[in-house]
Structures are given as structure tokens and as C-alpha cells.
């Protein structure tokens, strides 16, 4: 009787071990697609840095471009406490449409977005803005420096009087890092 019980246990063990060999292997679990840290959706441009563009939001400013295509829109009061400015954040350089009118940079936006390692796009900036960018060794794409090489500007635009005319950023130019 013991022999039958031992033989039965050995046959049962062999059957169980053989049955485990035919099960599908889950050695490689599915890795989820990388997500965009700005929106939580699937990342369309992995490995590229986001772009943050500071634009005018005053009541007398010209038509604004690029609002609907932005992943994140931030709004803050300016130093004068009169009007607000917007900061449009796009997931990559390739995602940026025509955006404008480009405004002076605000250090508040760069402080909020420093964890995302954004490429700041601005038209000049205040002393706090420059101090912050210099401290963290960030090089913005600045309309006052790049001029018509990276921005489409109206005919009357000049570096001597940049505030008199709105500057609109053109995508696909030579400024890309």
C-alpha cells in the first residue's frame, strides 16, 4: 500500500511539474508608455525638453496665438500689478505652433517650471528674471538677442525699441538647441 501511495505521489508530482512547463511565460511584463509630466497623457516626444513661452495678456495686446495647443497655461500678475501675462508650456519644440505676442520673461514662471527643465522663450526680462536665469545657468531664447533669426517681426520692429511692437515667434528657425 505504501508503494502505491508513493508511486501515486511521484506520478502526481511529475504531472504537476510537466503541466507548469506548458504555461505561458510572463517573463517580460508590459511596460507602460512614458507619460508627459505636464499632462499625464502618453508622451508624444520622449527625450525632448518642454518649451515655455511668455506671452502678453493685456487688454490692449494684439491677438494671441498658440493658446489652444499648449499643454499647460499659467497666468500671473506682472510686477506693475496692472495686467497679467501668460506662460504657455508645450511638451517639445516640435509641438510649438506660432505663438505670440511674446512678452518679457517672468522669474515666477521659470521657478514653477524649473523641475521640467523647460526652454524659456521671452522678449527681454526684468532684473529678477535675469538673476534667476543666470544663477541656474539657463539660456533663454530671447527675441532681443535672436531678433529676426528666430522670430518673425513686423517691419517696424527694432532692438532699440522692442516694446513698441509685438514680436511673434516663428517655429522651425535656427535657434533650436
C-alpha atoms as a PDB file:
ATOM      1  CA  UNK A   1       0.000   0.000   0.000  1.00  0.00           C
ATOM      2  CA  UNK A   2       2.866   2.326   0.792  1.00  0.00           C
ATOM      3  CA  UNK A   3       4.391   1.631  -2.604  1.00  0.00           C
ATOM      4  CA  UNK A   4       1.162   2.541  -4.375  1.00  0.00           C
ATOM      5  CA  UNK A   5       0.841   5.741  -2.361  1.00  0.00           C
ATOM      6  CA  UNK A   6       4.486   6.698  -3.083  1.00  0.00           C
ATOM      7  CA  UNK A   7       4.106   5.886  -6.779  1.00  0.00           C
ATOM      8  CA  UNK A   8       0.892   7.923  -6.912  1.00  0.00           C
ATOM      9  CA  UNK A   9       2.614  10.910  -5.252  1.00  0.00           C
ATOM     10  CA  UNK A  10       5.551  10.678  -7.678  1.00  0.00           C
ATOM     11  CA  UNK A  11       3.235  10.500 -10.717  1.00  0.00           C
ATOM     12  CA  UNK A  12       1.177  13.404  -9.388  1.00  0.00           C
ATOM     13  CA  UNK A  13       4.310  15.491  -8.757  1.00  0.00           C
ATOM     14  CA  UNK A  14       5.648  14.706 -12.244  1.00  0.00           C
ATOM     15  CA  UNK A  15       2.299  15.669 -13.793  1.00  0.00           C
ATOM     16  CA  UNK A  16       2.213  18.952 -11.895  1.00  0.00           C
ATOM     17  CA  UNK A  17       5.779  19.830 -12.869  1.00  0.00           C
ATOM     18  CA  UNK A  18       5.150  18.913 -16.509  1.00  0.00           C
ATOM     19  CA  UNK A  19       1.955  20.984 -16.506  1.00  0.00           C
ATOM     20  CA  UNK A  20       3.814  24.053 -15.258  1.00  0.00           C
ATOM     21  CA  UNK A  21       6.207  23.858 -18.191  1.00  0.00           C
ATOM     22  CA  UNK A  22       3.371  24.420 -20.671  1.00  0.00           C
ATOM     23  CA  UNK A  23       2.030  27.579 -19.048  1.00  0.00           C
ATOM     24  CA  UNK A  24       2.677  30.845 -20.947  1.00  0.00           C
ATOM     25  CA  UNK A  25       5.702  32.687 -19.657  1.00  0.00           C
ATOM     26  CA  UNK A  26       5.287  36.207 -18.276  1.00  0.00           C
ATOM     27  CA  UNK A  27       8.999  36.888 -18.139  1.00  0.00           C
ATOM     28  CA  UNK A  28       8.630  40.356 -19.707  1.00  0.00           C
ATOM     29  CA  UNK A  29       5.823  42.348 -18.118  1.00  0.00           C
ATOM     30  CA  UNK A  30       4.319  45.070 -20.259  1.00  0.00           C
ATOM     31  CA  UNK A  31       5.952  48.402 -19.610  1.00  0.00           C
ATOM     32  CA  UNK A  32       3.540  51.316 -19.695  1.00  0.00           C
ATOM     33  CA  UNK A  33       4.165  54.037 -22.245  1.00  0.00           C
ATOM     34  CA  UNK A  34       6.037  57.027 -20.816  1.00  0.00           C
ATOM     35  CA  UNK A  35       3.710  59.789 -19.671  1.00  0.00           C
ATOM     36  CA  UNK A  36       4.026  63.515 -20.156  1.00  0.00           C
ATOM     37  CA  UNK A  37       4.799  65.082 -16.739  1.00  0.00           C
ATOM     38  CA  UNK A  38       2.808  68.173 -17.723  1.00  0.00           C
ATOM     39  CA  UNK A  39      -0.478  66.431 -18.584  1.00  0.00           C
ATOM     40  CA  UNK A  40      -0.222  62.789 -17.501  1.00  0.00           C
ATOM     41  CA  UNK A  41      -1.101  61.639 -21.023  1.00  0.00           C
ATOM     42  CA  UNK A  42       1.057  59.479 -23.280  1.00  0.00           C
ATOM     43  CA  UNK A  43       4.297  61.235 -24.138  1.00  0.00           C
ATOM     44  CA  UNK A  44       4.474  62.018 -27.845  1.00  0.00           C
ATOM     45  CA  UNK A  45       8.022  63.433 -27.845  1.00  0.00           C
ATOM     46  CA  UNK A  46      10.100  61.385 -25.386  1.00  0.00           C
ATOM     47  CA  UNK A  47      13.535  62.711 -24.599  1.00  0.00           C
ATOM     48  CA  UNK A  48      12.772  66.302 -25.649  1.00  0.00           C
ATOM     49  CA  UNK A  49      12.658  69.263 -23.293  1.00  0.00           C
ATOM     50  CA  UNK A  50       9.432  71.245 -22.882  1.00  0.00           C
ATOM     51  CA  UNK A  51       9.233  74.833 -24.135  1.00  0.00           C
ATOM     52  CA  UNK A  52       7.717  77.672 -22.070  1.00  0.00           C
ATOM     53  CA  UNK A  53       6.737  80.864 -23.921  1.00  0.00           C
ATOM     54  CA  UNK A  54       5.834  84.028 -22.027  1.00  0.00           C
ATOM     55  CA  UNK A  55       3.140  85.994 -23.892  1.00  0.00           C
ATOM     56  CA  UNK A  56       1.221  89.240 -23.386  1.00  0.00           C
ATOM     57  CA  UNK A  57      -2.241  89.178 -21.835  1.00  0.00           C
ATOM     58  CA  UNK A  58      -3.020  92.890 -21.517  1.00  0.00           C
ATOM     59  CA  UNK A  59      -6.395  94.108 -22.748  1.00  0.00           C
ATOM     60  CA  UNK A  60      -4.718  96.260 -25.408  1.00  0.00           C
ATOM     61  CA  UNK A  61      -2.405  93.496 -26.661  1.00  0.00           C
ATOM     62  CA  UNK A  62      -2.851  92.062 -30.106  1.00  0.00           C
ATOM     63  CA  UNK A  63      -4.450  88.728 -30.940  1.00  0.00           C
ATOM     64  CA  UNK A  64      -2.874  85.825 -29.064  1.00  0.00           C
ATOM     65  CA  UNK A  65      -1.679  82.711 -30.877  1.00  0.00           C
ATOM     66  CA  UNK A  66      -0.924  79.261 -29.565  1.00  0.00           C
ATOM     67  CA  UNK A  67      -3.216  79.113 -26.522  1.00  0.00           C
ATOM     68  CA  UNK A  68      -5.220  76.079 -27.601  1.00  0.00           C
ATOM     69  CA  UNK A  69      -2.160  73.967 -28.438  1.00  0.00           C
ATOM     70  CA  UNK A  70      -0.424  74.471 -25.064  1.00  0.00           C
ATOM     71  CA  UNK A  71      -0.254  71.595 -22.587  1.00  0.00           C
ATOM     72  CA  UNK A  72      -0.299  73.988 -19.631  1.00  0.00           C
ATOM     73  CA  UNK A  73      -1.289  77.663 -19.430  1.00  0.00           C
ATOM     74  CA  UNK A  74      -0.061  79.660 -16.422  1.00  0.00           C
ATOM     75  CA  UNK A  75      -1.272  83.178 -15.616  1.00  0.00           C
ATOM     76  CA  UNK A  76       0.342  85.620 -13.190  1.00  0.00           C
ATOM     77  CA  UNK A  77       0.277  89.321 -12.428  1.00  0.00           C
ATOM     78  CA  UNK A  78       3.162  91.396 -13.682  1.00  0.00           C
ATOM     79  CA  UNK A  79       5.412  93.491 -11.459  1.00  0.00           C
ATOM     80  CA  UNK A  80       3.223  96.532 -12.092  1.00  0.00           C
ATOM     81  CA  UNK A  81       0.135  94.661 -10.781  1.00  0.00           C
ATOM     82  CA  UNK A  82      -1.862  96.035 -13.692  1.00  0.00           C
ATOM     83  CA  UNK A  83      -2.247  93.286 -16.245  1.00  0.00           C
ATOM     84  CA  UNK A  84      -1.341  89.642 -16.325  1.00  0.00           C
ATOM     85  CA  UNK A  85       0.984  87.626 -18.505  1.00  0.00           C
ATOM     86  CA  UNK A  86       0.561  84.087 -19.688  1.00  0.00           C
ATOM     87  CA  UNK A  87       3.111  81.325 -19.899  1.00  0.00           C
ATOM     88  CA  UNK A  88       2.306  78.647 -22.458  1.00  0.00           C
ATOM     89  CA  UNK A  89       4.073  75.331 -21.930  1.00  0.00           C
ATOM     90  CA  UNK A  90       4.457  72.859 -24.807  1.00  0.00           C
ATOM     91  CA  UNK A  91       5.855  69.312 -24.465  1.00  0.00           C
ATOM     92  CA  UNK A  92       8.618  69.857 -27.043  1.00  0.00           C
ATOM     93  CA  UNK A  93       9.959  72.220 -29.670  1.00  0.00           C
ATOM     94  CA  UNK A  94       8.126  70.219 -32.344  1.00  0.00           C
ATOM     95  CA  UNK A  95       4.785  70.840 -30.606  1.00  0.00           C
ATOM     96  CA  UNK A  96       5.045  74.649 -30.633  1.00  0.00           C
ATOM     97  CA  UNK A  97       2.798  76.394 -33.175  1.00  0.00           C
ATOM     98  CA  UNK A  98       3.064  80.091 -33.995  1.00  0.00           C
ATOM     99  CA  UNK A  99       2.935  81.756 -30.577  1.00  0.00           C
ATOM    100  CA  UNK A 100       2.633  85.394 -29.682  1.00  0.00           C
ATOM    101  CA  UNK A 101       2.860  88.161 -28.863  1.00  0.00           C
ATOM    102  CA  UNK A 102       5.968  87.137 -26.931  1.00  0.00           C
ATOM    103  CA  UNK A 103       6.379  89.059 -23.663  1.00  0.00           C
ATOM    104  CA  UNK A 104       9.157  89.764 -21.217  1.00  0.00           C
ATOM    105  CA  UNK A 105      10.153  86.799 -19.090  1.00  0.00           C
ATOM    106  CA  UNK A 106       8.883  86.392 -15.545  1.00  0.00           C
ATOM    107  CA  UNK A 107      11.014  84.645 -12.943  1.00  0.00           C
ATOM    108  CA  UNK A 108       7.849  83.231 -11.366  1.00  0.00           C
ATOM    109  CA  UNK A 109       7.231  81.034 -14.395  1.00  0.00           C
ATOM    110  CA  UNK A 110      10.802  79.773 -14.531  1.00  0.00           C
ATOM    111  CA  UNK A 111      10.671  78.982 -10.787  1.00  0.00           C
ATOM    112  CA  UNK A 112       7.457  76.999 -11.210  1.00  0.00           C
ATOM    113  CA  UNK A 113       8.794  75.073 -14.207  1.00  0.00           C
ATOM    114  CA  UNK A 114      12.410  74.504 -13.145  1.00  0.00           C
ATOM    115  CA  UNK A 115      11.712  70.822 -12.408  1.00  0.00           C
ATOM    116  CA  UNK A 116      10.605  70.274 -16.003  1.00  0.00           C
ATOM    117  CA  UNK A 117      13.866  71.714 -17.433  1.00  0.00           C
ATOM    118  CA  UNK A 118      11.969  73.951 -19.841  1.00  0.00           C
ATOM    119  CA  UNK A 119      13.490  76.029 -22.618  1.00  0.00           C
ATOM    120  CA  UNK A 120      12.367  79.587 -21.763  1.00  0.00           C
ATOM    121  CA  UNK A 121      11.239  81.812 -24.648  1.00  0.00           C
ATOM    122  CA  UNK A 122      10.860  85.517 -23.906  1.00  0.00           C
ATOM    123  CA  UNK A 123      11.344  89.078 -25.100  1.00  0.00           C
ATOM    124  CA  UNK A 124      13.729  90.581 -22.591  1.00  0.00           C
ATOM    125  CA  UNK A 125      13.054  90.375 -18.891  1.00  0.00           C
ATOM    126  CA  UNK A 126      13.373  92.140 -15.593  1.00  0.00           C
ATOM    127  CA  UNK A 127      16.296  92.039 -13.193  1.00  0.00           C
ATOM    128  CA  UNK A 128      14.798  89.212 -11.104  1.00  0.00           C
ATOM    129  CA  UNK A 129      14.245  87.190 -14.277  1.00  0.00           C
ATOM    130  CA  UNK A 130      17.835  87.688 -15.414  1.00  0.00           C
ATOM    131  CA  UNK A 131      19.235  86.925 -11.945  1.00  0.00           C
ATOM    132  CA  UNK A 132      17.296  83.673 -11.764  1.00  0.00           C
ATOM    133  CA  UNK A 133      18.317  82.562 -15.256  1.00  0.00           C
ATOM    134  CA  UNK A 134      21.957  83.484 -14.586  1.00  0.00           C
ATOM    135  CA  UNK A 135      22.015  81.701 -11.218  1.00  0.00           C
ATOM    136  CA  UNK A 136      20.793  78.430 -12.734  1.00  0.00           C
ATOM    137  CA  UNK A 137      22.793  78.896 -15.959  1.00  0.00           C
ATOM    138  CA  UNK A 138      19.651  78.850 -18.094  1.00  0.00           C
ATOM    139  CA  UNK A 139      19.941  80.404 -21.519  1.00  0.00           C
ATOM    140  CA  UNK A 140      16.557  81.632 -22.763  1.00  0.00           C
ATOM    141  CA  UNK A 141      15.604  82.084 -26.371  1.00  0.00           C
ATOM    142  CA  UNK A 142      15.286  85.862 -26.246  1.00  0.00           C
ATOM    143  CA  UNK A 143      13.767  87.949 -29.029  1.00  0.00           C
ATOM    144  CA  UNK A 144      16.024  90.860 -28.129  1.00  0.00           C
ATOM    145  CA  UNK A 145      19.089  88.716 -28.836  1.00  0.00           C
ATOM    146  CA  UNK A 146      17.860  86.463 -31.631  1.00  0.00           C
ATOM    147  CA  UNK A 147      15.794  89.064 -33.483  1.00  0.00           C
ATOM    148  CA  UNK A 148      14.684  88.021 -36.953  1.00  0.00           C
ATOM    149  CA  UNK A 149      16.860  84.883 -36.910  1.00  0.00           C
ATOM    150  CA  UNK A 150      14.300  83.068 -34.740  1.00  0.00           C
ATOM    151  CA  UNK A 151      11.302  85.381 -34.566  1.00  0.00           C
ATOM    152  CA  UNK A 152       9.003  86.800 -37.193  1.00  0.00           C
ATOM    153  CA  UNK A 153       8.777  90.502 -36.537  1.00  0.00           C
ATOM    154  CA  UNK A 154       6.712  93.290 -38.084  1.00  0.00           C
ATOM    155  CA  UNK A 155       8.505  95.691 -40.417  1.00  0.00           C
ATOM    156  CA  UNK A 156       8.906  98.467 -37.814  1.00  0.00           C
ATOM    157  CA  UNK A 157      10.496  96.258 -35.167  1.00  0.00           C
ATOM    158  CA  UNK A 158      13.961  97.143 -33.905  1.00  0.00           C
ATOM    159  CA  UNK A 159      16.126  96.114 -30.980  1.00  0.00           C
ATOM    160  CA  UNK A 160      16.308  99.724 -29.825  1.00  0.00           C
ATOM    161  CA  UNK A 161      12.506  99.960 -29.387  1.00  0.00           C
ATOM    162  CA  UNK A 162      11.354  96.380 -28.744  1.00  0.00           C
ATOM    163  CA  UNK A 163       8.367  97.231 -26.569  1.00  0.00           C
ATOM    164  CA  UNK A 164       6.725  99.363 -29.258  1.00  0.00           C
ATOM    165  CA  UNK A 165       5.909  96.391 -31.495  1.00  0.00           C
ATOM    166  CA  UNK A 166       4.744  92.880 -30.685  1.00  0.00           C
ATOM    167  CA  UNK A 167       7.089  90.061 -31.565  1.00  0.00           C
ATOM    168  CA  UNK A 168       5.755  86.740 -32.820  1.00  0.00           C
ATOM    169  CA  UNK A 169       7.792  83.578 -32.575  1.00  0.00           C
ATOM    170  CA  UNK A 170       8.242  81.550 -35.727  1.00  0.00           C
ATOM    171  CA  UNK A 171       8.762  77.807 -35.388  1.00  0.00           C
ATOM    172  CA  UNK A 172      11.462  75.873 -37.180  1.00  0.00           C
ATOM    173  CA  UNK A 173      14.123  78.522 -37.262  1.00  0.00           C
ATOM    174  CA  UNK A 174      17.827  78.305 -36.425  1.00  0.00           C
ATOM    175  CA  UNK A 175      17.657  78.884 -32.670  1.00  0.00           C
ATOM    176  CA  UNK A 176      16.908  75.279 -31.773  1.00  0.00           C
ATOM    177  CA  UNK A 177      19.337  73.926 -29.142  1.00  0.00           C
END
